[in-house]
C-alpha atoms as a PDB file:
ATOM      1  CA  MET A   1       0.000   0.000   0.000  1.00  0.00           C
ATOM      2  CA  LYS A   2       1.330   3.401  -1.008  1.00  0.00           C
ATOM      3  CA  LYS A   3       1.878   5.711   1.970  1.00  0.00           C
ATOM      4  CA  LEU A   4       1.867   9.464   2.201  1.00  0.00           C
ATOM      5  CA  SER A   5       4.662  11.096   4.207  1.00  0.00           C
ATOM      6  CA  VAL A   6       3.175  13.984   6.191  1.00  0.00           C
ATOM      7  CA  ALA A   7       4.532  16.683   8.476  1.00  0.00           C
ATOM      8  CA  VAL A   8       2.437  18.780  10.840  1.00  0.00           C
ATOM      9  CA  ILE A   9       3.331  22.439  11.389  1.00  0.00           C
ATOM     10  CA  GLY A  10       1.843  23.623  14.675  1.00  0.00           C
ATOM     11  CA  THR A  11       1.042  21.335  17.601  1.00  0.00           C
ATOM     12  CA  GLY A  12      -1.678  23.215  19.466  1.00  0.00           C
ATOM     13  CA  SER A  13      -4.967  21.932  20.826  1.00  0.00           C
ATOM     14  CA  ILE A  14      -6.578  21.087  17.473  1.00  0.00           C
ATOM     15  CA  VAL A  15      -3.561  18.930  16.588  1.00  0.00           C
ATOM     16  CA  SER A  16      -3.178  17.085  19.877  1.00  0.00           C
ATOM     17  CA  GLY A  17      -6.907  16.518  20.229  1.00  0.00           C
ATOM     18  CA  GLY A  18      -7.911  16.082  16.581  1.00  0.00           C
ATOM     19  CA  TYR A  19      -5.452  15.814  13.726  1.00  0.00           C
ATOM     20  CA  LEU A  20      -2.728  13.654  15.246  1.00  0.00           C
ATOM     21  CA  PRO A  21      -5.141  10.946  16.421  1.00  0.00           C
ATOM     22  CA  ALA A  22      -6.723  11.031  12.960  1.00  0.00           C
ATOM     23  CA  LEU A  23      -3.385  10.790  11.151  1.00  0.00           C
ATOM     24  CA  ALA A  24      -2.262   7.950  13.430  1.00  0.00           C
ATOM     25  CA  LYS A  25      -5.359   5.919  12.530  1.00  0.00           C
ATOM     26  CA  HIS A  26      -5.022   6.268   8.767  1.00  0.00           C
ATOM     27  CA  PRO A  27      -3.298   3.247   7.198  1.00  0.00           C
ATOM     28  CA  SER A  28      -1.862   5.269   4.303  1.00  0.00           C
ATOM     29  CA  VAL A  29      -0.226   8.006   6.380  1.00  0.00           C
ATOM     30  CA  ASN A  30       3.265   8.134   7.816  1.00  0.00           C
ATOM     31  CA  VAL A  31       3.852  11.215   9.995  1.00  0.00           C
ATOM     32  CA  VAL A  32       7.547  11.981   9.562  1.00  0.00           C
ATOM     33  CA  ALA A  33       7.877  15.256  11.507  1.00  0.00           C
ATOM     34  CA  LEU A  34       6.257  17.697  13.883  1.00  0.00           C
ATOM     35  CA  CYS A  35       7.117  21.383  13.939  1.00  0.00           C
ATOM     36  CA  ASP A  36       6.375  24.010  16.554  1.00  0.00           C
ATOM     37  CA  SER A  37       8.103  27.097  17.917  1.00  0.00           C
ATOM     38  CA  VAL A  38       7.405  25.594  21.349  1.00  0.00           C
ATOM     39  CA  VAL A  39       9.690  22.626  20.749  1.00  0.00           C
ATOM     40  CA  GLU A  40       8.969  20.907  24.068  1.00  0.00           C
ATOM     41  CA  ARG A  41       5.275  20.704  23.216  1.00  0.00           C
ATOM     42  CA  ALA A  42       6.092  19.054  19.907  1.00  0.00           C
ATOM     43  CA  LYS A  43       8.550  16.641  21.572  1.00  0.00           C
ATOM     44  CA  LEU A  44       5.896  15.384  23.977  1.00  0.00           C
ATOM     45  CA  LEU A  45       3.529  14.619  21.109  1.00  0.00           C
ATOM     46  CA  ALA A  46       6.295  13.075  19.007  1.00  0.00           C
ATOM     47  CA  ASP A  47       7.145  10.722  21.868  1.00  0.00           C
ATOM     48  CA  GLU A  48       3.481   9.811  22.317  1.00  0.00           C
ATOM     49  CA  TYR A  49       2.951   8.998  18.636  1.00  0.00           C
ATOM     50  CA  GLY A  50       6.399   7.672  17.736  1.00  0.00           C
ATOM     51  CA  ILE A  51       7.186  10.474  15.289  1.00  0.00           C
ATOM     52  CA  PRO A  52      10.917  10.514  14.437  1.00  0.00           C
ATOM     53  CA  ARG A  53      11.608  14.235  13.928  1.00  0.00           C
ATOM     54  CA  VAL A  54      10.843  17.410  15.873  1.00  0.00           C
ATOM     55  CA  LEU A  55      11.754  20.659  14.161  1.00  0.00           C
ATOM     56  CA  GLY A  56      11.569  24.262  15.297  1.00  0.00           C
ATOM     57  CA  THR A  57      10.989  26.044  11.971  1.00  0.00           C
ATOM     58  CA  PRO A  58       8.798  25.362   8.909  1.00  0.00           C
ATOM     59  CA  GLU A  59      11.819  25.919   6.657  1.00  0.00           C
ATOM     60  CA  ASN A  60      13.483  22.836   8.121  1.00  0.00           C
ATOM     61  CA  VAL A  61      10.312  20.856   7.516  1.00  0.00           C
ATOM     62  CA  LEU A  62      10.168  21.777   3.844  1.00  0.00           C
ATOM     63  CA  ASN A  63      13.762  20.664   3.355  1.00  0.00           C
ATOM     64  CA  LEU A  64      12.892  17.051   4.233  1.00  0.00           C
ATOM     65  CA  SER A  65      13.503  14.867   1.203  1.00  0.00           C
ATOM     66  CA  ASP A  66      10.893  12.255   2.113  1.00  0.00           C
ATOM     67  CA  LEU A  67       7.985  14.669   2.554  1.00  0.00           C
ATOM     68  CA  ASN A  68       4.829  14.630   0.386  1.00  0.00           C
ATOM     69  CA  ALA A  69       2.341  16.747   2.291  1.00  0.00           C
ATOM     70  CA  VAL A  70       1.996  19.271   5.097  1.00  0.00           C
ATOM     71  CA  LEU A  71      -0.737  20.116   7.566  1.00  0.00           C
ATOM     72  CA  VAL A  72      -0.634  23.815   8.471  1.00  0.00           C
ATOM     73  CA  CYS A  73      -2.182  24.094  11.938  1.00  0.00           C
ATOM     74  CA  THR A  74      -0.669  27.333  13.194  1.00  0.00           C
ATOM     75  CA  PRO A  75      -2.323  30.618  14.264  1.00  0.00           C
ATOM     76  CA  ASN A  76      -4.356  32.223  11.496  1.00  0.00           C
ATOM     77  CA  HIS A  77      -1.859  34.935  10.533  1.00  0.00           C
ATOM     78  CA  LEU A  78       0.669  32.259   9.568  1.00  0.00           C
ATOM     79  CA  HIS A  79      -1.640  30.232   7.312  1.00  0.00           C
ATOM     80  CA  ALA A  80      -1.028  32.134   4.079  1.00  0.00           C
ATOM     81  CA  PRO A  81       2.776  32.463   4.198  1.00  0.00           C
ATOM     82  CA  GLN A  82       3.364  28.917   5.457  1.00  0.00           C
ATOM     83  CA  THR A  83       0.917  27.403   2.975  1.00  0.00           C
ATOM     84  CA  CYS A  84       2.394  29.263   0.002  1.00  0.00           C
ATOM     85  CA  LYS A  85       5.945  28.265   0.947  1.00  0.00           C
ATOM     86  CA  ALA A  86       4.925  24.614   1.281  1.00  0.00           C
ATOM     87  CA  LEU A  87       3.153  24.642  -2.092  1.00  0.00           C
ATOM     88  CA  GLU A  88       6.140  26.326  -3.735  1.00  0.00           C
ATOM     89  CA  ALA A  89       8.322  23.579  -2.250  1.00  0.00           C
ATOM     90  CA  GLY A  90       6.185  21.004  -4.060  1.00  0.00           C
ATOM     91  CA  LYS A  91       4.126  19.797  -1.093  1.00  0.00           C
ATOM     92  CA  HIS A  92       0.397  19.195  -0.895  1.00  0.00           C
ATOM     93  CA  VAL A  93      -1.250  21.232   1.874  1.00  0.00           C
ATOM     94  CA  LEU A  94      -4.164  20.856   4.252  1.00  0.00           C
ATOM     95  CA  VAL A  95      -4.591  24.161   6.087  1.00  0.00           C
ATOM     96  CA  VAL A  96      -6.970  24.527   9.016  1.00  0.00           C
ATOM     97  CA  LYS A  97      -9.801  27.071   8.892  1.00  0.00           C
ATOM     98  CA  PRO A  98      -9.956  29.948   8.278  1.00  0.00           C
ATOM     99  CA  MET A  99      -7.598  29.596   5.346  1.00  0.00           C
ATOM    100  CA  ALA A 100      -6.244  33.141   5.821  1.00  0.00           C
ATOM    101  CA  LEU A 101      -6.862  36.553   7.351  1.00  0.00           C
ATOM    102  CA  SER A 102      -8.175  38.176   4.162  1.00  0.00           C
ATOM    103  CA  PRO A 103      -9.545  37.324   0.714  1.00  0.00           C
ATOM    104  CA  GLU A 104      -6.358  38.739  -0.812  1.00  0.00           C
ATOM    105  CA  GLU A 105      -4.259  36.212   1.109  1.00  0.00           C
ATOM    106  CA  GLY A 106      -6.675  33.442   0.166  1.00  0.00           C
ATOM    107  CA  GLU A 107      -6.472  34.333  -3.506  1.00  0.00           C
ATOM    108  CA  ALA A 108      -2.676  34.173  -3.361  1.00  0.00           C
ATOM    109  CA  MET A 109      -2.864  30.707  -1.798  1.00  0.00           C
ATOM    110  CA  VAL A 110      -5.236  29.411  -4.477  1.00  0.00           C
ATOM    111  CA  GLU A 111      -3.071  30.836  -7.253  1.00  0.00           C
ATOM    112  CA  THR A 112       0.091  29.364  -5.725  1.00  0.00           C
ATOM    113  CA  ALA A 113      -1.537  25.921  -5.579  1.00  0.00           C
ATOM    114  CA  ARG A 114      -2.626  26.240  -9.217  1.00  0.00           C
ATOM    115  CA  LYS A 115       0.861  27.171 -10.385  1.00  0.00           C
ATOM    116  CA  ALA A 116       2.474  24.406  -8.323  1.00  0.00           C
ATOM    117  CA  GLY A 117      -0.016  21.780  -9.477  1.00  0.00           C
ATOM    118  CA  LYS A 118      -0.517  20.650  -5.865  1.00  0.00           C
ATOM    119  CA  THR A 119      -3.553  19.965  -3.701  1.00  0.00           C
ATOM    120  CA  LEU A 120      -4.697  22.796  -1.430  1.00  0.00           C
ATOM    121  CA  MET A 121      -7.438  21.675   0.916  1.00  0.00           C
ATOM    122  CA  VAL A 122      -9.047  23.797   3.644  1.00  0.00           C
ATOM    123  CA  GLY A 123     -10.108  22.227   6.937  1.00  0.00           C
ATOM    124  CA  LEU A 124     -13.814  23.026   6.793  1.00  0.00           C
ATOM    125  CA  SER A 125     -14.322  20.003   8.959  1.00  0.00           C
ATOM    126  CA  TYR A 126     -18.058  20.203   9.684  1.00  0.00           C
ATOM    127  CA  ARG A 127     -18.758  19.300   6.072  1.00  0.00           C
ATOM    128  CA  PHE A 128     -17.555  15.816   6.952  1.00  0.00           C
ATOM    129  CA  HIS A 129     -19.651  15.401  10.092  1.00  0.00           C
ATOM    130  CA  PRO A 130     -21.932  12.359   9.609  1.00  0.00           C
ATOM    131  CA  HIS A 131     -24.946  14.475  10.589  1.00  0.00           C
ATOM    132  CA  THR A 132     -24.087  17.103   7.960  1.00  0.00           C
ATOM    133  CA  GLN A 133     -23.754  14.400   5.323  1.00  0.00           C
ATOM    134  CA  TYR A 134     -27.121  12.939   6.358  1.00  0.00           C
ATOM    135  CA  MET A 135     -28.808  16.333   5.938  1.00  0.00           C
ATOM    136  CA  LYS A 136     -27.021  16.877   2.626  1.00  0.00           C
ATOM    137  CA  ARG A 137     -28.646  13.741   1.245  1.00  0.00           C
ATOM    138  CA  PHE A 138     -32.108  15.075   2.180  1.00  0.00           C
ATOM    139  CA  VAL A 139     -31.394  18.418   0.531  1.00  0.00           C
ATOM    140  CA  ASP A 140     -29.868  16.983  -2.658  1.00  0.00           C
ATOM    141  CA  SER A 141     -32.641  14.417  -3.101  1.00  0.00           C
ATOM    142  CA  GLY A 142     -35.311  17.111  -2.996  1.00  0.00           C
ATOM    143  CA  ASP A 143     -37.001  15.534   0.032  1.00  0.00           C
ATOM    144  CA  LEU A 144     -37.080  18.917   1.768  1.00  0.00           C
ATOM    145  CA  GLY A 145     -38.424  20.684  -1.312  1.00  0.00           C
ATOM    146  CA  GLU A 146     -37.215  24.159  -2.198  1.00  0.00           C
ATOM    147  CA  ILE A 147     -34.913  25.511   0.507  1.00  0.00           C
ATOM    148  CA  TYR A 148     -35.605  29.193   1.164  1.00  0.00           C
ATOM    149  CA  TYR A 149     -34.524  30.063   4.728  1.00  0.00           C
ATOM    150  CA  THR A 150     -31.678  29.020   7.010  1.00  0.00           C
ATOM    151  CA  LYS A 151     -30.413  29.863  10.497  1.00  0.00           C
ATOM    152  CA  ALA A 152     -27.153  29.058  12.250  1.00  0.00           C
ATOM    153  CA  SER A 153     -25.929  29.761  15.766  1.00  0.00           C
ATOM    154  CA  TRP A 154     -22.842  28.898  17.783  1.00  0.00           C
ATOM    155  CA  LEU A 155     -23.044  30.635  21.131  1.00  0.00           C
ATOM    156  CA  ARG A 156     -20.695  30.230  24.057  1.00  0.00           C
ATOM    157  CA  ARG A 157     -21.607  31.679  27.422  1.00  0.00           C
ATOM    158  CA  LYS A 158     -18.000  31.602  28.622  1.00  0.00           C
ATOM    159  CA  GLY A 159     -15.992  30.364  25.685  1.00  0.00           C
ATOM    160  CA  ASN A 160     -13.024  32.653  25.235  1.00  0.00           C
ATOM    161  CA  PRO A 161     -10.141  30.319  24.255  1.00  0.00           C
ATOM    162  CA  GLY A 162      -7.531  32.952  25.118  1.00  0.00           C
ATOM    163  CA  GLY A 163      -4.049  33.106  23.637  1.00  0.00           C
ATOM    164  CA  TRP A 164      -3.733  34.137  19.995  1.00  0.00           C
ATOM    165  CA  PHE A 165      -7.455  33.520  19.366  1.00  0.00           C
ATOM    166  CA  THR A 166      -8.334  36.850  20.979  1.00  0.00           C
ATOM    167  CA  ARG A 167      -5.695  39.017  19.260  1.00  0.00           C
ATOM    168  CA  LYS A 168      -6.882  40.530  16.003  1.00  0.00           C
ATOM    169  CA  ALA A 169      -3.420  40.740  14.445  1.00  0.00           C
ATOM    170  CA  LEU A 170      -2.973  36.976  14.933  1.00  0.00           C
ATOM    171  CA  ALA A 171      -6.533  35.662  14.541  1.00  0.00           C
ATOM    172  CA  GLY A 172      -8.139  38.148  12.166  1.00  0.00           C
ATOM    173  CA  GLY A 173     -11.170  38.452  14.433  1.00  0.00           C
ATOM    174  CA  GLY A 174     -13.100  36.675  17.161  1.00  0.00           C
ATOM    175  CA  PRO A 175     -15.948  34.152  17.050  1.00  0.00           C
ATOM    176  CA  LEU A 176     -17.051  35.170  13.544  1.00  0.00           C
ATOM    177  CA  ILE A 177     -13.823  34.019  11.911  1.00  0.00           C
ATOM    178  CA  ASP A 178     -13.263  31.165  14.407  1.00  0.00           C
ATOM    179  CA  LEU A 179     -16.734  29.616  14.819  1.00  0.00           C
ATOM    180  CA  GLY A 180     -18.812  31.473  12.252  1.00  0.00           C
ATOM    181  CA  VAL A 181     -16.638  30.067   9.481  1.00  0.00           C
ATOM    182  CA  HIS A 182     -18.130  26.635  10.229  1.00  0.00           C
ATOM    183  CA  LEU A 183     -21.698  27.949  10.421  1.00  0.00           C
ATOM    184  CA  ILE A 184     -21.477  29.772   7.105  1.00  0.00           C
ATOM    185  CA  ASP A 185     -19.697  26.927   5.356  1.00  0.00           C
ATOM    186  CA  THR A 186     -22.124  24.266   6.583  1.00  0.00           C
ATOM    187  CA  ILE A 187     -25.144  26.183   5.289  1.00  0.00           C
ATOM    188  CA  TRP A 188     -23.409  27.150   2.035  1.00  0.00           C
ATOM    189  CA  TYR A 189     -22.329  23.528   1.461  1.00  0.00           C
ATOM    190  CA  LEU A 190     -25.826  22.177   2.175  1.00  0.00           C
ATOM    191  CA  LEU A 191     -27.304  24.679  -0.286  1.00  0.00           C
ATOM    192  CA  GLY A 192     -24.987  23.542  -3.075  1.00  0.00           C
ATOM    193  CA  LYS A 193     -22.556  26.476  -2.793  1.00  0.00           C
ATOM    194  CA  PRO A 194     -24.641  29.255  -4.368  1.00  0.00           C
ATOM    195  CA  SER A 195     -23.128  32.680  -5.039  1.00  0.00           C
ATOM    196  CA  CYS A 196     -23.499  35.041  -2.080  1.00  0.00           C
ATOM    197  CA  LEU A 197     -24.705  38.496  -3.109  1.00  0.00           C
ATOM    198  CA  SER A 198     -24.659  40.631   0.018  1.00  0.00           C
ATOM    199  CA  ALA A 199     -24.000  40.686   3.750  1.00  0.00           C
ATOM    200  CA  THR A 200     -25.238  42.682   6.728  1.00  0.00           C
ATOM    201  CA  GLY A 201     -23.254  42.202   9.912  1.00  0.00           C
ATOM    202  CA  SER A 202     -22.791  43.603  13.390  1.00  0.00           C
ATOM    203  CA  THR A 203     -20.017  42.847  15.861  1.00  0.00           C
ATOM    204  CA  TYR A 204     -19.823  43.690  19.554  1.00  0.00           C
ATOM    205  CA  GLY A 205     -16.994  43.849  22.058  1.00  0.00           C
ATOM    206  CA  LYS A 206     -18.927  44.426  25.243  1.00  0.00           C
ATOM    207  CA  MET A 207     -17.462  41.675  27.423  1.00  0.00           C
ATOM    208  CA  ASN A 208     -13.956  41.232  26.066  1.00  0.00           C
ATOM    209  CA  GLY A 209     -12.310  42.722  29.132  1.00  0.00           C
ATOM    210  CA  HIS A 210     -13.802  40.105  31.444  1.00  0.00           C
ATOM    211  CA  SER A 211     -11.218  37.493  32.433  1.00  0.00           C
ATOM    212  CA  SER A 212     -14.141  35.417  33.739  1.00  0.00           C
ATOM    213  CA  THR A 213     -15.068  34.658  30.113  1.00  0.00           C
ATOM    214  CA  LEU A 214     -12.029  32.370  29.676  1.00  0.00           C
ATOM    215  CA  SER A 215     -13.262  28.988  28.498  1.00  0.00           C
ATOM    216  CA  ALA A 216     -13.304  26.035  30.856  1.00  0.00           C
ATOM    217  CA  GLY A 217     -13.350  23.766  27.797  1.00  0.00           C
ATOM    218  CA  TYR A 218     -11.476  24.484  24.564  1.00  0.00           C
ATOM    219  CA  ARG A 219      -8.451  26.683  25.247  1.00  0.00           C
ATOM    220  CA  SER A 220      -5.393  27.805  23.370  1.00  0.00           C
ATOM    221  CA  ALA A 221      -2.483  25.475  24.049  1.00  0.00           C
ATOM    222  CA  ASP A 222      -0.458  28.457  25.284  1.00  0.00           C
ATOM    223  CA  VAL A 223      -3.074  29.187  27.953  1.00  0.00           C
ATOM    224  CA  LYS A 224      -3.329  25.543  28.999  1.00  0.00           C
ATOM    225  CA  GLU A 225       0.441  25.326  29.370  1.00  0.00           C
ATOM    226  CA  GLY A 226       0.747  28.586  31.304  1.00  0.00           C
ATOM    227  CA  LEU A 227       2.627  30.347  28.495  1.00  0.00           C
ATOM    228  CA  ASP A 228      -0.092  32.961  28.088  1.00  0.00           C
ATOM    229  CA  GLY A 229      -2.446  34.448  30.666  1.00  0.00           C
ATOM    230  CA  GLY A 230      -5.283  34.663  28.158  1.00  0.00           C
ATOM    231  CA  LYS A 231      -6.072  38.274  29.130  1.00  0.00           C
ATOM    232  CA  GLU A 232      -5.150  40.172  25.953  1.00  0.00           C
ATOM    233  CA  TYR A 233      -8.355  40.616  23.966  1.00  0.00           C
ATOM    234  CA  ASP A 234      -9.083  42.992  21.074  1.00  0.00           C
ATOM    235  CA  VAL A 235     -11.545  40.972  18.959  1.00  0.00           C
ATOM    236  CA  GLU A 236     -15.351  40.896  19.010  1.00  0.00           C
ATOM    237  CA  ASP A 237     -17.060  38.650  21.557  1.00  0.00           C
ATOM    238  CA  LEU A 238     -20.365  38.511  19.604  1.00  0.00           C
ATOM    239  CA  ALA A 239     -21.140  38.682  15.906  1.00  0.00           C
ATOM    240  CA  CYS A 240     -24.433  38.414  14.080  1.00  0.00           C
ATOM    241  CA  GLY A 241     -25.261  38.663  10.433  1.00  0.00           C
ATOM    242  CA  PHE A 242     -27.536  38.189   7.454  1.00  0.00           C
ATOM    243  CA  LEU A 243     -26.390  36.716   4.125  1.00  0.00           C
ATOM    244  CA  ARG A 244     -28.396  36.848   0.896  1.00  0.00           C
ATOM    245  CA  PHE A 245     -27.671  34.216  -1.769  1.00  0.00           C
ATOM    246  CA  ALA A 246     -28.269  34.387  -5.520  1.00  0.00           C
ATOM    247  CA  ASN A 247     -30.820  31.567  -5.387  1.00  0.00           C
ATOM    248  CA  GLY A 248     -33.044  33.594  -3.040  1.00  0.00           C
ATOM    249  CA  VAL A 249     -32.064  31.756   0.151  1.00  0.00           C
ATOM    250  CA  THR A 250     -31.189  33.791   3.238  1.00  0.00           C
ATOM    251  CA  LEU A 251     -29.057  32.941   6.260  1.00  0.00           C
ATOM    252  CA  ILE A 252     -29.347  34.529   9.691  1.00  0.00           C
ATOM    253  CA  MET A 253     -26.473  33.667  12.021  1.00  0.00           C
ATOM    254  CA  ASP A 254     -24.896  34.604  15.346  1.00  0.00           C
ATOM    255  CA  THR A 255     -21.847  33.444  17.256  1.00  0.00           C
ATOM    256  CA  SER A 256     -20.108  34.374  20.502  1.00  0.00           C
ATOM    257  CA  PHE A 257     -17.130  33.766  22.757  1.00  0.00           C
ATOM    258  CA  ALA A 258     -18.966  35.390  25.675  1.00  0.00           C
ATOM    259  CA  LEU A 259     -22.665  36.126  26.082  1.00  0.00           C
ATOM    260  CA  HIS A 260     -25.119  36.182  28.970  1.00  0.00           C
ATOM    261  CA  THR A 261     -27.200  33.329  27.574  1.00  0.00           C
ATOM    262  CA  LYS A 262     -28.584  30.371  29.502  1.00  0.00           C
ATOM    263  CA  ALA A 263     -26.447  27.698  27.866  1.00  0.00           C
ATOM    264  CA  ASP A 264     -23.989  27.116  25.062  1.00  0.00           C
ATOM    265  CA  ALA A 265     -25.625  26.271  21.728  1.00  0.00           C
ATOM    266  CA  HIS A 266     -24.537  24.975  18.337  1.00  0.00           C
ATOM    267  CA  ASP A 267     -27.472  24.801  15.940  1.00  0.00           C
ATOM    268  CA  VAL A 268     -27.865  24.824  12.174  1.00  0.00           C
ATOM    269  CA  GLU A 269     -31.398  24.950  10.767  1.00  0.00           C
ATOM    270  CA  ILE A 270     -32.667  24.651   7.220  1.00  0.00           C
ATOM    271  CA  PHE A 271     -36.244  25.165   5.999  1.00  0.00           C
ATOM    272  CA  GLY A 272     -37.859  23.973   2.765  1.00  0.00           C
ATOM    273  CA  THR A 273     -41.295  23.670   1.206  1.00  0.00           C
ATOM    274  CA  LYS A 274     -41.566  19.926   1.951  1.00  0.00           C
ATOM    275  CA  GLY A 275     -39.594  19.693   5.184  1.00  0.00           C
ATOM    276  CA  GLY A 276     -36.927  21.155   7.408  1.00  0.00           C
ATOM    277  CA  GLY A 277     -33.998  19.999   9.435  1.00  0.00           C
ATOM    278  CA  LYS A 278     -31.674  20.788  12.291  1.00  0.00           C
ATOM    279  CA  LEU A 279     -28.064  19.992  13.151  1.00  0.00           C
ATOM    280  CA  TYR A 280     -26.341  19.015  15.681  1.00  0.00           C
ATOM    281  CA  PRO A 281     -27.604  16.354  16.190  1.00  0.00           C
ATOM    282  CA  ALA A 282     -29.413  15.773  12.919  1.00  0.00           C
ATOM    283  CA  GLU A 283     -33.201  15.879  12.935  1.00  0.00           C
ATOM    284  CA  VAL A 284     -35.591  16.128   9.992  1.00  0.00           C
ATOM    285  CA  TYR A 285     -39.104  17.568  10.236  1.00  0.00           C
ATOM    286  CA  CYS A 286     -41.706  16.714   7.601  1.00  0.00           C
ATOM    287  CA  ASP A 287     -45.217  15.404   7.032  1.00  0.00           C
ATOM    288  CA  LEU A 288     -45.640  11.649   6.568  1.00  0.00           C
ATOM    289  CA  HIS A 289     -49.014  10.207   5.613  1.00  0.00           C
ATOM    290  CA  GLY A 290     -50.693  13.484   6.498  1.00  0.00           C
ATOM    291  CA  THR A 291     -49.110  13.729   9.945  1.00  0.00           C
ATOM    292  CA  PRO A 292     -46.181  15.832  11.191  1.00  0.00           C
ATOM    293  CA  ALA A 293     -43.182  13.552  11.747  1.00  0.00           C
ATOM    294  CA  ASP A 294     -39.733  14.036  13.276  1.00  0.00           C
ATOM    295  CA  ILE A 295     -36.863  11.838  12.100  1.00  0.00           C
ATOM    296  CA  ALA A 296     -33.899  11.360  14.446  1.00  0.00           C
ATOM    297  CA  PRO A 297     -31.353   9.098  12.736  1.00  0.00           C
ATOM    298  CA  VAL A 298     -28.847   6.850  14.473  1.00  0.00           C
ATOM    299  CA  LEU A 299     -25.528   7.767  12.878  1.00  0.00           C
ATOM    300  CA  PRO A 300     -21.908   6.626  13.391  1.00  0.00           C
ATOM    301  CA  LYS A 301     -19.666   8.539  15.770  1.00  0.00           C
ATOM    302  CA  VAL A 302     -16.546   9.481  13.834  1.00  0.00           C
ATOM    303  CA  SER A 303     -14.422  12.570  14.411  1.00  0.00           C
ATOM    304  CA  ASN A 304     -14.562  15.272  11.751  1.00  0.00           C
ATOM    305  CA  GLN A 305     -10.771  15.215  11.542  1.00  0.00           C
ATOM    306  CA  GLU A 306     -10.663  11.485  10.760  1.00  0.00           C
ATOM    307  CA  LEU A 307     -12.974  11.996   7.796  1.00  0.00           C
ATOM    308  CA  GLU A 308     -11.170  15.173   6.753  1.00  0.00           C
ATOM    309  CA  VAL A 309      -7.746  13.497   6.806  1.00  0.00           C
ATOM    310  CA  ALA A 310      -9.130  10.557   4.823  1.00  0.00           C
ATOM    311  CA  GLU A 311     -10.422  12.961   2.156  1.00  0.00           C
ATOM    312  CA  PHE A 312      -7.069  14.783   1.985  1.00  0.00           C
ATOM    313  CA  VAL A 313      -5.139  11.538   1.602  1.00  0.00           C
ATOM    314  CA  ASP A 314      -7.524  10.147  -1.008  1.00  0.00           C
ATOM    315  CA  SER A 315      -7.440  13.343  -3.051  1.00  0.00           C
ATOM    316  CA  ILE A 316      -3.642  13.082  -3.288  1.00  0.00           C
ATOM    317  CA  LEU A 317      -3.224   9.345  -3.765  1.00  0.00           C
ATOM    318  CA  GLN A 318      -6.133   9.094  -6.211  1.00  0.00           C
ATOM    319  CA  GLU A 319      -5.273  12.408  -7.903  1.00  0.00           C
ATOM    320  CA  LYS A 320      -8.810  13.760  -7.622  1.00  0.00           C
ATOM    321  CA  PRO A 321     -10.275  17.091  -6.458  1.00  0.00           C
ATOM    322  CA  SER A 322     -10.863  17.311  -2.716  1.00  0.00           C
ATOM    323  CA  MET A 323     -14.223  17.998  -1.131  1.00  0.00           C
ATOM    324  CA  CYS A 324     -12.870  21.238   0.410  1.00  0.00           C
ATOM    325  CA  PRO A 325     -10.643  22.880  -2.217  1.00  0.00           C
ATOM    326  CA  GLY A 326      -8.930  26.193  -1.656  1.00  0.00           C
ATOM    327  CA  GLU A 327     -11.550  27.907  -3.811  1.00  0.00           C
ATOM    328  CA  ASP A 328     -14.255  26.962  -1.294  1.00  0.00           C
ATOM    329  CA  GLY A 329     -12.224  28.252   1.620  1.00  0.00           C
ATOM    330  CA  LEU A 330     -11.776  31.511  -0.284  1.00  0.00           C
ATOM    331  CA  ALA A 331     -15.520  31.849  -0.971  1.00  0.00           C
ATOM    332  CA  VAL A 332     -16.328  31.430   2.722  1.00  0.00           C
ATOM    333  CA  LEU A 333     -13.578  33.881   3.665  1.00  0.00           C
ATOM    334  CA  LYS A 334     -15.145  36.479   1.355  1.00  0.00           C
ATOM    335  CA  MET A 335     -18.484  36.124   3.162  1.00  0.00           C
ATOM    336  CA  ILE A 336     -16.789  36.567   6.541  1.00  0.00           C
ATOM    337  CA  ASP A 337     -14.885  39.580   5.233  1.00  0.00           C
ATOM    338  CA  ALA A 338     -18.144  41.117   3.972  1.00  0.00           C
ATOM    339  CA  LEU A 339     -19.793  40.706   7.376  1.00  0.00           C
ATOM    340  CA  TYR A 340     -16.864  42.447   9.070  1.00  0.00           C
ATOM    341  CA  ARG A 341     -16.938  45.235   6.458  1.00  0.00           C
ATOM    342  CA  SER A 342     -20.678  45.668   6.914  1.00  0.00           C
ATOM    343  CA  SER A 343     -20.253  45.975  10.670  1.00  0.00           C
ATOM    344  CA  HIS A 344     -17.573  48.609  10.129  1.00  0.00           C
ATOM    345  CA  VAL A 345     -19.615  50.806   7.759  1.00  0.00           C
ATOM    346  CA  GLY A 346     -23.001  50.140   9.387  1.00  0.00           C
ATOM    347  CA  GLN A 347     -24.845  48.982   6.275  1.00  0.00           C
ATOM    348  CA  GLU A 348     -25.284  46.104   3.831  1.00  0.00           C
ATOM    349  CA  VAL A 349     -22.315  45.437   1.556  1.00  0.00           C
ATOM    350  CA  ALA A 350     -21.754  43.373  -1.569  1.00  0.00           C
ATOM    351  CA  VAL A 351     -19.787  40.137  -1.311  1.00  0.00           C
ATOM    352  CA  SER A 352     -16.871  40.254  -3.737  1.00  0.00           C
ATOM    353  CA  ASP A 353     -16.731  37.690  -6.534  1.00  0.00           C
END
């Protein structure tokens, strides 16, 4: 069996808790190196997973002769430069979401991949969730009829991850670019990726000085390891928005790191003329034999990252387009950018093509 030699750049929480376990399980993957500026963190993971090399700079990674592909799992401001350098070095790249800080950076990444003739895949991992795939089958089959309205919400009561996530220069923004990217992409993917015409957004930074908002769950690796106090915060803590698509569908969404709400929530809802549905978990609402019926499927429990890694590997080994190409990551980034621009000018704005 042909194996893909992979290196991982960045060994933060999403790597230790998601991507490394997924890579270790895949029979066609050989992880040959880990890279992190915090070398001790990378060494601990390398020892745990039996990875032979630990390197302190991406440049050293790209010089490895036995390397086929790279996972870029660093803070957001590093995604574009590290991805472009890896592509230029002849490596396939899976970069975590969001693909970059701006559409301009995203466009450069897509163009670099095209010129290099290499795979660029963006980690829009909720596309792979079994519940998303279940709902996609209902939408594509026409069982829900014409879809005309959607809602999406990812609210955290106290969910500030701290570290680089709450510094605009490093993250690009707060919950909109961190969590909202999944909400927007999930809806857009379910709808068949229609063109987005316009965006109206508002962002708020009313609670970002409250250290009590630091998450008890998902945290930046730097905060967990005591390398960062998690107190620096200059991003929004709440964002809400309205997107209008070319096919007439609308999306209303909101997302927060900190909000005085009763409980955390992660919901995606879709409404059609024959039925509707909700994620997560998946439920479908329709009429059967003249009676309202709710369908709650029993679906496999598989991590998004396992399915995402499998898609990345297959796209390279089978030389086929991936399910999350760079162009899709760029389209979602343009919608996020439009929501931020709308919030800044206080009115609806066009989404760039």
